[in-house]
Amino acid sequence: MLVRFLFALCAGLSLQLSSFTASAAGPDWKAGLATADITPPKPVVLLGYDGRNGPFTEVVSPIYAKALAFEDATGHRAVIVTADLVGFQGDVSEPMVKRILEKAGLERSQLMLNASHTHTAPLVSLQPPTGGNFRAGMAPDDVKNTIEYTRMLHDKVVDVVARSIADLRPARLAWATGSVPFVMSRRLPVKDRVVMRANPDAPVDHSVPVLRVTDADGKLRGVLFGCACHNVAQGPQNVIAGDYAGYAQAMLEEKHPGTTAMFLMGCGADANPEPYGKTEVAKKHGATLGEEVERVLGLSLAEVRGPLKTEFARSQLPLKKLARDEIQKIADDKDDKQAYAESVMAWQMLAVLDRRQSLLSRYTAPFAVWQFDGDLTLVALPAEPVAEYVSLIQKALGANKLWVAGYNNDCFGYLPTDKVVREGGHEAIGVTLFSWDKKLFGNVGFFAPGVQDVVLGTVRDLAAKAGRKP
């Protein structure tokens, strides 16, 4: 009896000592945050709507690039960059990525670039226009200012990553999910077509994932949150603004002085905010989103532990192989407003053929999966993924502890599922890189059936390598 009592006493003391030691060790994360104002210092041409002429006329709200750096207990680092831009196109961002990796000592898997897809943001390019670009009519000064702005953007993003790493301090991570009501599908079947019009009966992703970053004592330092909806609430105004996502971030930072709020765009290719079209509406949606993030921050969030495993791969996505007469037939629908996007794509494809260049048969796209121990899996899809990819990836990986983001690393156009490929419509147009660079002029084409299998197969492989458990 005495022996058993002493054994139990020692075991209890050992357990208490173990708990005390774990508590005294503090959090197993370090986090660093940094912000850069990327508002153009002079008027430049915007991207997002092709009906606007000339450079922007007003700055309604500043736009920013922000960085969140993680370091787990093993010293493994990773950095998320978010920006109020239409997208990080690969040919423009890769020189910047190279600089970041060299300066920060990171591998490609350790860096994620995410754009909010605000349609009131600058066109970015390092090359003068060619005849095939829909912005080819830009005045010489506009071209010069765009290239200068893009170089400035590169410098600022490189710097903001470096500052986030320099800011690494002990931190705790936790996460939960909310939802917002204003996300509405914009794919409406009309006769034999799918048109861009509000469709309350079609599925969308209403979720608002929230990652809370606090210091070792529990004080809020940063918040990363998402929403799967086009940032077009501002409408086609020729102004600079962060749209609803920008207003939500500003509201949270005002409510929590010293905190950095960051927006991670979701799979919102086929969703618009409803209603949309005015600054006041964009601010209202921003307030709705910000208030939901604030509500979630007040909940009992699930702890996110380390270690962090980061995986990255490039996969070849198949494009349709169309004969010239098939492309011409699509292009001839140019007078049908319901088929406008598809006909524009066909015009571009015909222009490639007229230059005696070959159309692409595949597009090489980047994918990433970040695994935070067994607590959270962050899937980073490229381009503009449609909402169906969320449910498909949930089926492939399991729905729990999963965050699916879009618009990462290379925003080359739309990423449709096989269903969208079959149905057609705006989101079926695929690769839309009407590049200023002559070498990339041929980067246009419709994705082929089977693109979905490549996407899901890549995500499954990366998740397995990262250690996600079914």
Protein backbone atom coordinates (compact mmCIF):
# COMPACT_ATOMS: atom_id res chain seq x y z
CA MET A 1 0.00 0.00 0.00
CA LEU A 2 2.77 2.40 0.99
CA VAL A 3 4.65 1.67 -2.21
CA ARG A 4 1.54 2.32 -4.30
CA PHE A 5 0.85 5.57 -2.44
CA LEU A 6 4.40 6.82 -2.98
CA PHE A 7 4.23 5.87 -6.67
CA ALA A 8 0.97 7.76 -7.14
CA LEU A 9 2.33 10.76 -5.25
CA CYS A 10 5.46 10.86 -7.44
CA ALA A 11 3.37 10.50 -10.58
CA GLY A 12 1.14 13.38 -9.50
CA LEU A 13 4.11 15.58 -8.67
CA SER A 14 5.65 14.69 -12.05
CA LEU A 15 2.42 15.63 -13.87
CA GLN A 16 2.20 18.94 -12.00
CA LEU A 17 5.85 19.68 -12.72
CA SER A 18 5.31 18.83 -16.40
CA SER A 19 2.31 21.15 -16.57
CA PHE A 20 4.23 23.92 -14.81
CA THR A 21 7.17 23.52 -17.17
CA ALA A 22 4.90 23.67 -20.25
CA SER A 23 3.18 26.77 -18.87
CA ALA A 24 6.44 28.46 -18.00
CA ALA A 25 7.77 27.79 -21.49
CA GLY A 26 5.06 30.07 -22.90
CA PRO A 27 3.79 30.05 -26.47
CA ASP A 28 5.51 27.95 -29.13
CA TRP A 29 5.07 30.66 -31.78
CA LYS A 30 6.69 33.91 -32.72
CA ALA A 31 4.78 36.32 -34.96
CA GLY A 32 5.73 39.55 -36.66
CA LEU A 33 3.56 42.11 -38.43
CA ALA A 34 4.25 45.03 -40.74
CA THR A 35 2.31 47.42 -42.99
CA ALA A 36 3.22 49.49 -46.06
CA ASP A 37 1.11 52.17 -47.73
CA ILE A 38 1.03 51.30 -51.45
CA THR A 39 -1.25 54.15 -52.55
CA PRO A 40 0.13 55.49 -55.85
CA PRO A 41 1.87 58.87 -55.34
CA LYS A 42 0.62 60.04 -58.74
CA PRO A 43 -2.40 59.07 -60.88
CA VAL A 44 -2.06 55.73 -62.68
CA VAL A 45 -4.40 53.58 -64.76
CA LEU A 46 -6.51 51.09 -62.80
CA LEU A 47 -7.32 47.43 -63.46
CA GLY A 48 -10.61 45.64 -62.88
CA TYR A 49 -12.98 47.26 -65.37
CA ASP A 50 -12.18 47.90 -69.02
CA GLY A 51 -14.63 50.80 -69.38
CA ARG A 52 -12.63 53.35 -67.38
CA ASN A 53 -10.50 55.83 -69.30
CA GLY A 54 -7.29 57.43 -68.13
CA PRO A 55 -5.70 57.41 -64.68
CA PHE A 56 -7.68 57.53 -61.43
CA THR A 57 -9.21 60.83 -60.37
CA GLU A 58 -9.34 60.49 -56.59
CA VAL A 59 -8.07 58.49 -53.60
CA VAL A 60 -11.19 57.51 -51.68
CA SER A 61 -9.18 55.41 -49.21
CA PRO A 62 -5.49 54.44 -49.03
CA ILE A 63 -4.43 50.94 -50.07
CA TYR A 64 -1.90 48.77 -48.24
CA ALA A 65 0.37 45.76 -48.39
CA LYS A 66 0.75 43.89 -45.09
CA ALA A 67 2.84 40.96 -43.91
CA LEU A 68 2.37 38.40 -41.16
CA ALA A 69 5.45 36.31 -40.34
CA PHE A 70 5.30 33.06 -38.37
CA GLU A 71 8.11 31.18 -36.66
CA ASP A 72 7.43 27.89 -34.89
CA ALA A 73 9.42 26.39 -32.02
CA THR A 74 11.74 24.63 -34.48
CA GLY A 75 12.65 27.93 -36.14
CA HIS A 76 10.67 27.23 -39.32
CA ARG A 77 9.36 30.48 -40.78
CA ALA A 78 6.63 31.46 -43.21
CA VAL A 79 5.20 34.81 -44.33
CA ILE A 80 1.78 35.78 -45.67
CA VAL A 81 1.60 39.00 -47.69
CA THR A 82 -1.82 40.55 -48.32
CA ALA A 83 -2.40 43.53 -50.58
CA ASP A 84 -5.17 45.77 -51.84
CA LEU A 85 -4.53 44.82 -55.47
CA VAL A 86 -6.47 43.10 -58.24
CA GLY A 87 -3.95 40.28 -58.22
CA PHE A 88 -0.33 39.18 -58.06
CA GLN A 89 0.27 38.07 -61.65
CA GLY A 90 3.17 35.66 -61.93
CA ASP A 91 5.16 37.46 -64.63
CA VAL A 92 5.02 40.68 -62.60
CA SER A 93 5.53 39.30 -59.11
CA GLU A 94 8.19 36.63 -59.71
CA PRO A 95 11.11 39.12 -59.80
CA MET A 96 9.80 40.50 -56.49
CA VAL A 97 9.45 36.99 -55.06
CA LYS A 98 13.05 36.24 -55.96
CA ARG A 99 14.21 39.33 -54.09
CA ILE A 100 12.12 38.43 -51.03
CA LEU A 101 13.40 34.87 -50.84
CA GLU A 102 17.02 35.96 -51.17
CA LYS A 103 16.70 38.75 -48.60
CA ALA A 104 14.65 36.77 -46.07
CA GLY A 105 16.35 33.41 -46.51
CA LEU A 106 13.07 31.67 -47.30
CA GLU A 107 12.11 28.82 -49.62
CA ARG A 108 9.23 29.32 -52.08
CA SER A 109 6.88 27.25 -49.94
CA GLN A 110 7.38 29.71 -47.07
CA LEU A 111 5.94 32.74 -48.88
CA MET A 112 2.30 33.35 -49.77
CA LEU A 113 1.06 36.37 -51.74
CA ASN A 114 -2.67 37.10 -51.55
CA ALA A 115 -4.53 39.94 -53.29
CA SER A 116 -7.90 41.23 -52.12
CA HIS A 117 -8.99 41.67 -55.76
CA THR A 118 -10.28 45.18 -55.22
CA HIS A 119 -11.30 46.56 -58.61
CA THR A 120 -10.23 50.06 -57.60
CA ALA A 121 -6.49 49.33 -57.61
CA PRO A 122 -3.63 50.06 -60.01
CA LEU A 123 -2.69 48.12 -63.09
CA VAL A 124 0.80 46.71 -62.47
CA SER A 125 3.38 45.87 -65.11
CA LEU A 126 7.12 46.14 -65.74
CA GLN A 127 6.78 46.18 -69.54
CA PRO A 128 5.46 48.70 -72.09
CA PRO A 129 2.24 47.65 -73.83
CA THR A 130 1.96 45.64 -77.02
CA GLY A 131 -0.80 45.82 -79.60
CA GLY A 132 -2.69 42.92 -78.06
CA ASN A 133 -3.29 44.51 -74.68
CA PHE A 134 -6.67 46.00 -73.83
CA ARG A 135 -4.69 48.84 -72.21
CA ALA A 136 -2.52 49.35 -75.31
CA GLY A 137 -4.06 52.79 -75.88
CA MET A 138 -2.46 54.20 -72.73
CA ALA A 139 -0.67 57.53 -73.09
CA PRO A 140 3.14 57.42 -72.82
CA ASP A 141 3.05 59.11 -69.40
CA ASP A 142 0.56 56.53 -68.13
CA VAL A 143 2.83 53.72 -69.26
CA LYS A 144 5.82 55.36 -67.58
CA ASN A 145 3.89 55.94 -64.35
CA THR A 146 2.60 52.35 -64.27
CA ILE A 147 6.10 50.91 -64.59
CA GLU A 148 7.40 53.31 -61.91
CA TYR A 149 4.54 52.36 -59.61
CA THR A 150 5.19 48.64 -60.09
CA ARG A 151 8.86 49.07 -59.20
CA MET A 152 7.87 51.04 -56.11
CA LEU A 153 5.38 48.30 -55.20
CA HIS A 154 8.12 45.68 -55.46
CA ASP A 155 10.39 47.68 -53.15
CA LYS A 156 7.64 48.16 -50.59
CA VAL A 157 6.56 44.51 -50.52
CA VAL A 158 10.17 43.33 -50.17
CA ASP A 159 10.59 45.77 -47.30
CA VAL A 160 7.32 44.89 -45.54
CA VAL A 161 8.29 41.20 -45.49
CA ALA A 162 11.70 42.06 -44.02
CA ARG A 163 10.08 44.24 -41.34
CA SER A 164 7.56 41.55 -40.40
CA ILE A 165 10.41 39.09 -39.82
CA ALA A 166 12.35 41.67 -37.81
CA ASP A 167 9.21 42.08 -35.66
CA LEU A 168 9.02 38.39 -34.64
CA ARG A 169 8.00 38.11 -30.97
CA PRO A 170 6.41 35.41 -28.77
CA ALA A 171 2.80 34.95 -29.80
CA ARG A 172 -0.26 32.76 -29.49
CA LEU A 173 -2.51 31.80 -32.40
CA ALA A 174 -6.17 30.83 -32.34
CA TRP A 175 -8.92 30.63 -34.90
CA ALA A 176 -12.67 30.32 -35.50
CA THR A 177 -15.16 30.95 -38.29
CA GLY A 178 -18.07 33.35 -38.72
CA SER A 179 -20.25 34.26 -41.69
CA VAL A 180 -21.65 37.25 -43.58
CA PRO A 181 -24.95 37.55 -45.49
CA PHE A 182 -24.01 39.85 -48.39
CA VAL A 183 -22.23 37.21 -50.53
CA MET A 184 -24.37 36.41 -53.61
CA SER A 185 -23.76 34.13 -56.59
CA ARG A 186 -23.51 36.01 -59.87
CA ARG A 187 -24.12 32.97 -62.13
CA LEU A 188 -27.74 32.86 -63.32
CA PRO A 189 -28.89 30.33 -65.95
CA VAL A 190 -30.92 32.06 -68.68
CA LYS A 191 -32.10 29.82 -71.52
CA ASP A 192 -28.95 28.14 -72.86
CA ARG A 193 -26.46 30.49 -71.18
CA VAL A 194 -25.16 31.45 -67.74
CA VAL A 195 -25.21 35.23 -67.35
CA MET A 196 -23.65 37.48 -64.74
CA ARG A 197 -26.65 38.33 -62.63
CA ALA A 198 -27.60 37.83 -58.98
CA ASN A 199 -28.73 34.27 -58.24
CA PRO A 200 -29.81 33.72 -54.61
CA ASP A 201 -30.39 30.01 -55.28
CA ALA A 202 -26.82 29.16 -56.31
CA PRO A 203 -24.28 28.09 -53.66
CA VAL A 204 -21.60 30.47 -52.39
CA ASP A 205 -19.19 30.51 -49.46
CA HIS A 206 -20.52 32.76 -46.69
CA SER A 207 -17.79 31.81 -44.21
CA VAL A 208 -15.46 34.31 -42.51
CA PRO A 209 -12.40 32.46 -41.17
CA VAL A 210 -10.54 34.43 -38.50
CA LEU A 211 -7.00 33.86 -37.17
CA ARG A 212 -6.24 35.77 -33.99
CA VAL A 213 -2.64 36.73 -33.16
CA THR A 214 -1.92 37.79 -29.58
CA ASP A 215 1.24 38.38 -27.61
CA ALA A 216 2.34 36.01 -24.85
CA ASP A 217 0.03 37.80 -22.39
CA GLY A 218 -3.03 37.59 -24.60
CA LYS A 219 -3.04 41.15 -25.97
CA LEU A 220 -4.32 41.38 -29.56
CA ARG A 221 -1.56 42.15 -32.07
CA GLY A 222 -3.05 41.05 -35.36
CA VAL A 223 -6.01 39.44 -37.06
CA LEU A 224 -6.12 37.64 -40.40
CA PHE A 225 -9.62 37.17 -41.79
CA GLY A 226 -11.25 36.13 -45.05
CA CYS A 227 -14.34 36.41 -47.19
CA ALA A 228 -15.16 34.75 -50.54
CA CYS A 229 -16.68 37.62 -52.47
CA HIS A 230 -15.55 39.96 -55.25
CA ASN A 231 -14.30 43.32 -54.01
CA VAL A 232 -16.52 45.27 -56.40
CA ALA A 233 -18.89 46.95 -53.95
CA GLN A 234 -17.33 50.29 -54.93
CA GLY A 235 -18.52 49.83 -58.52
CA PRO A 236 -16.66 50.99 -61.66
CA GLN A 237 -15.56 54.31 -60.22
CA ASN A 238 -12.18 55.55 -61.44
CA VAL A 239 -10.85 55.93 -57.90
CA ILE A 240 -8.37 54.28 -55.54
CA ALA A 241 -9.99 52.33 -52.70
CA GLY A 242 -9.66 49.06 -50.81
CA ASP A 243 -13.39 48.33 -51.27
CA TYR A 244 -15.32 46.44 -48.58
CA ALA A 245 -12.22 44.49 -47.48
CA GLY A 246 -10.24 47.69 -47.02
CA TYR A 247 -12.99 49.32 -44.99
CA ALA A 248 -13.29 46.24 -42.76
CA GLN A 249 -9.55 46.28 -42.05
CA ALA A 250 -9.60 50.01 -41.28
CA MET A 251 -12.53 49.56 -38.88
CA LEU A 252 -10.78 46.80 -36.94
CA GLU A 253 -7.52 48.74 -36.69
CA GLU A 254 -9.37 51.80 -35.45
CA LYS A 255 -11.19 49.72 -32.85
CA HIS A 256 -7.94 48.06 -31.71
CA PRO A 257 -5.13 50.64 -31.88
CA GLY A 258 -1.76 49.07 -32.60
CA THR A 259 -3.34 45.98 -34.17
CA THR A 260 -2.73 44.95 -37.78
CA ALA A 261 -5.82 43.67 -39.62
CA MET A 262 -5.25 41.64 -42.79
CA PHE A 263 -7.70 40.33 -45.40
CA LEU A 264 -7.18 36.93 -47.08
CA MET A 265 -9.42 36.55 -50.14
CA GLY A 266 -11.43 33.35 -50.47
CA CYS A 267 -12.97 31.45 -53.40
CA GLY A 268 -15.15 34.30 -54.58
CA ALA A 269 -14.76 34.22 -58.37
CA ASP A 270 -18.49 33.67 -58.92
CA ALA A 271 -19.79 35.85 -56.07
CA ASN A 272 -20.52 39.57 -55.82
CA PRO A 273 -21.61 41.59 -52.80
CA GLU A 274 -25.30 42.35 -52.92
CA PRO A 275 -26.07 45.17 -53.35
CA TYR A 276 -23.02 46.89 -54.87
CA GLY A 277 -22.01 49.91 -56.92
CA LYS A 278 -21.44 52.83 -54.55
CA THR A 279 -18.89 53.94 -51.94
CA GLU A 280 -21.58 54.01 -49.27
CA VAL A 281 -22.53 50.42 -50.05
CA ALA A 282 -18.88 49.30 -49.94
CA LYS A 283 -18.48 50.92 -46.52
CA LYS A 284 -21.66 49.24 -45.28
CA HIS A 285 -20.44 45.80 -46.36
CA GLY A 286 -17.05 46.58 -44.83
CA ALA A 287 -18.75 47.40 -41.54
CA THR A 288 -20.77 44.18 -41.68
CA LEU A 289 -17.62 42.14 -42.26
CA GLY A 290 -15.62 44.02 -39.62
CA GLU A 291 -18.37 43.58 -37.03
CA GLU A 292 -18.51 39.85 -37.73
CA VAL A 293 -14.74 39.54 -37.29
CA GLU A 294 -15.05 41.49 -34.04
CA ARG A 295 -17.79 39.12 -32.86
CA VAL A 296 -15.66 36.07 -33.66
CA LEU A 297 -12.67 37.56 -31.82
CA GLY A 298 -14.82 37.62 -28.69
CA LEU A 299 -15.60 33.91 -28.87
CA SER A 300 -13.66 31.02 -27.38
CA LEU A 301 -11.31 30.38 -30.30
CA ALA A 302 -9.49 27.10 -30.92
CA GLU A 303 -5.77 27.17 -30.22
CA VAL A 304 -3.47 26.81 -33.23
CA ARG A 305 -0.24 25.05 -32.32
CA GLY A 306 3.00 24.30 -34.12
CA PRO A 307 4.97 23.01 -35.79
CA LEU A 308 4.22 24.54 -39.18
CA LYS A 309 4.80 22.55 -42.36
CA THR A 310 4.72 24.40 -45.68
CA GLU A 311 4.35 22.70 -49.07
CA PHE A 312 4.36 24.25 -52.56
CA ALA A 313 4.03 22.83 -56.07
CA ARG A 314 3.33 23.93 -59.62
CA SER A 315 0.84 21.88 -61.62
CA GLN A 316 -0.07 21.95 -65.29
CA LEU A 317 -3.74 22.79 -65.84
CA PRO A 318 -5.20 21.64 -69.20
CA LEU A 319 -6.60 24.15 -71.69
CA LYS A 320 -9.10 23.40 -74.45
CA LYS A 321 -7.65 22.58 -77.85
CA LEU A 322 -9.92 24.51 -80.22
CA ALA A 323 -9.73 24.80 -84.00
CA ARG A 324 -9.75 28.27 -85.50
CA ASP A 325 -13.35 27.95 -86.71
CA GLU A 326 -14.46 26.95 -83.20
CA ILE A 327 -12.72 30.01 -81.75
CA GLN A 328 -14.21 32.20 -84.47
CA LYS A 329 -17.71 31.02 -83.60
CA ILE A 330 -17.19 32.09 -79.96
CA ALA A 331 -15.75 35.42 -81.08
CA ASP A 332 -18.77 36.08 -83.31
CA ASP A 333 -20.97 36.29 -80.21
CA LYS A 334 -19.42 39.72 -79.52
CA ASP A 335 -22.77 41.50 -79.95
CA ASP A 336 -24.41 39.30 -77.32
CA LYS A 337 -23.76 40.98 -73.97
CA GLN A 338 -24.42 37.69 -72.21
CA ALA A 339 -21.41 36.14 -73.96
CA TYR A 340 -19.16 39.21 -73.89
CA ALA A 341 -16.36 37.80 -71.71
CA GLU A 342 -16.11 34.59 -73.71
CA SER A 343 -16.07 36.47 -77.02
CA VAL A 344 -13.31 38.79 -75.76
CA MET A 345 -11.24 35.75 -74.85
CA ALA A 346 -11.82 34.33 -78.35
CA TRP A 347 -10.72 37.62 -79.95
CA GLN A 348 -7.49 37.40 -77.99
CA MET A 349 -6.95 33.81 -79.08
CA LEU A 350 -7.49 34.74 -82.72
CA ALA A 351 -4.98 37.56 -82.36
CA VAL A 352 -2.42 35.03 -81.12
CA LEU A 353 -3.03 32.87 -84.18
CA ASP A 354 -2.85 35.91 -86.47
CA ARG A 355 0.62 36.56 -85.11
CA ARG A 356 1.49 32.98 -86.10
CA GLN A 357 2.01 32.01 -82.50
CA SER A 358 0.78 28.85 -80.86
CA LEU A 359 -1.94 28.79 -78.26
CA LEU A 360 -1.08 27.23 -74.92
CA SER A 361 -2.26 23.68 -74.26
CA ARG A 362 -1.54 23.96 -70.52
CA TYR A 363 -0.97 26.62 -67.89
CA THR A 364 1.47 26.01 -65.05
CA ALA A 365 -0.08 27.24 -61.81
CA PRO A 366 1.23 27.44 -58.21
CA PHE A 367 -0.46 25.71 -55.27
CA ALA A 368 0.39 25.67 -51.57
CA VAL A 369 -0.74 24.00 -48.35
CA TRP A 370 0.34 25.15 -44.89
CA GLN A 371 -0.28 22.73 -42.01
CA PHE A 372 -0.37 24.12 -38.47
CA ASP A 373 0.20 20.90 -36.47
CA GLY A 374 -3.20 19.16 -36.31
CA ASP A 375 -5.13 22.37 -35.69
CA LEU A 376 -5.48 24.12 -39.04
CA THR A 377 -4.85 23.48 -42.74
CA LEU A 378 -4.54 26.53 -45.00
CA VAL A 379 -5.02 25.71 -48.70
CA ALA A 380 -3.80 28.42 -51.08
CA LEU A 381 -5.31 28.15 -54.56
CA PRO A 382 -4.10 30.35 -57.41
CA ALA A 383 -6.14 32.73 -59.59
CA GLU A 384 -9.88 33.30 -59.06
CA PRO A 385 -11.39 29.99 -57.87
CA VAL A 386 -15.15 29.54 -57.96
CA ALA A 387 -16.99 28.76 -54.72
CA GLU A 388 -17.55 25.09 -55.57
CA TYR A 389 -13.86 24.43 -54.89
CA VAL A 390 -14.48 24.92 -51.16
CA SER A 391 -16.96 22.04 -50.94
CA LEU A 392 -14.86 19.88 -53.28
CA ILE A 393 -11.75 20.36 -51.16
CA GLN A 394 -13.76 19.73 -48.00
CA LYS A 395 -14.82 16.40 -49.50
CA ALA A 396 -11.25 15.61 -50.52
CA LEU A 397 -9.57 16.53 -47.21
CA GLY A 398 -12.36 16.61 -44.65
CA ALA A 399 -14.23 19.76 -43.66
CA ASN A 400 -12.80 20.26 -40.16
CA LYS A 401 -9.97 22.66 -39.40
CA LEU A 402 -9.77 23.80 -43.00
CA TRP A 403 -9.32 27.27 -44.56
CA VAL A 404 -9.46 27.50 -48.36
CA ALA A 405 -8.16 30.75 -49.84
CA GLY A 406 -8.01 31.91 -53.46
CA TYR A 407 -6.16 34.64 -55.38
CA ASN A 408 -2.75 33.42 -54.22
CA ASN A 409 0.68 33.77 -55.82
CA ASP A 410 -0.45 34.05 -59.47
CA CYS A 411 -3.76 35.63 -60.44
CA PHE A 412 -3.76 34.49 -64.08
CA GLY A 413 -7.53 34.62 -64.56
CA TYR A 414 -10.36 32.31 -63.47
CA LEU A 415 -10.09 28.82 -61.99
CA PRO A 416 -13.36 27.03 -62.91
CA THR A 417 -14.57 23.62 -61.82
CA ASP A 418 -15.65 21.10 -64.45
CA LYS A 419 -19.26 22.17 -63.88
CA VAL A 420 -18.43 25.77 -64.76
CA VAL A 421 -16.39 24.62 -67.78
CA ARG A 422 -19.47 22.76 -69.07
CA GLU A 423 -21.90 25.60 -68.35
CA GLY A 424 -19.75 28.42 -69.73
CA GLY A 425 -20.22 32.02 -68.65
CA HIS A 426 -17.86 34.68 -67.39
CA GLU A 427 -16.00 32.45 -64.91
CA ALA A 428 -15.29 29.83 -67.59
CA ILE A 429 -12.89 32.02 -69.56
CA GLY A 430 -9.78 30.68 -67.80
CA VAL A 431 -6.36 32.21 -68.45
CA THR A 432 -6.71 35.91 -69.23
CA LEU A 433 -3.14 37.19 -69.21
CA PHE A 434 -3.34 39.79 -71.96
CA SER A 435 0.23 40.63 -71.00
CA TRP A 436 2.27 43.66 -71.92
CA ASP A 437 5.20 41.33 -72.47
CA LYS A 438 5.32 40.02 -76.06
CA LYS A 439 6.74 36.73 -74.82
CA LEU A 440 3.60 36.13 -72.76
CA PHE A 441 1.07 37.39 -75.27
CA GLY A 442 -0.14 33.86 -75.92
CA ASN A 443 -1.21 33.26 -72.31
CA VAL A 444 -4.92 33.07 -73.07
CA GLY A 445 -7.27 30.12 -73.25
CA PHE A 446 -10.32 28.28 -71.89
CA PHE A 447 -9.69 25.54 -69.36
CA ALA A 448 -10.58 22.03 -70.45
CA PRO A 449 -12.68 19.44 -68.62
CA GLY A 450 -10.34 17.73 -66.19
CA VAL A 451 -8.91 20.94 -64.72
CA GLN A 452 -10.79 20.14 -61.51
CA ASP A 453 -9.07 16.76 -61.17
CA VAL A 454 -5.63 18.36 -61.45
CA VAL A 455 -6.51 20.98 -58.83
CA LEU A 456 -7.91 18.47 -56.34
CA GLY A 457 -5.11 15.98 -56.96
CA THR A 458 -2.48 18.63 -56.32
CA VAL A 459 -4.19 19.79 -53.13
CA ARG A 460 -4.51 16.21 -51.85
CA ASP A 461 -0.83 15.51 -52.52
CA LEU A 462 0.36 18.70 -50.83
CA ALA A 463 -1.91 18.14 -47.82
CA ALA A 464 -0.56 14.60 -47.41
CA LYS A 465 3.03 15.85 -47.59
CA ALA A 466 2.22 18.57 -45.08
CA GLY A 467 0.86 15.95 -42.67
CA ARG A 468 -2.87 16.68 -42.64
CA LYS A 469 -4.75 13.80 -41.06
CA PRO A 470 -8.03 12.62 -42.66
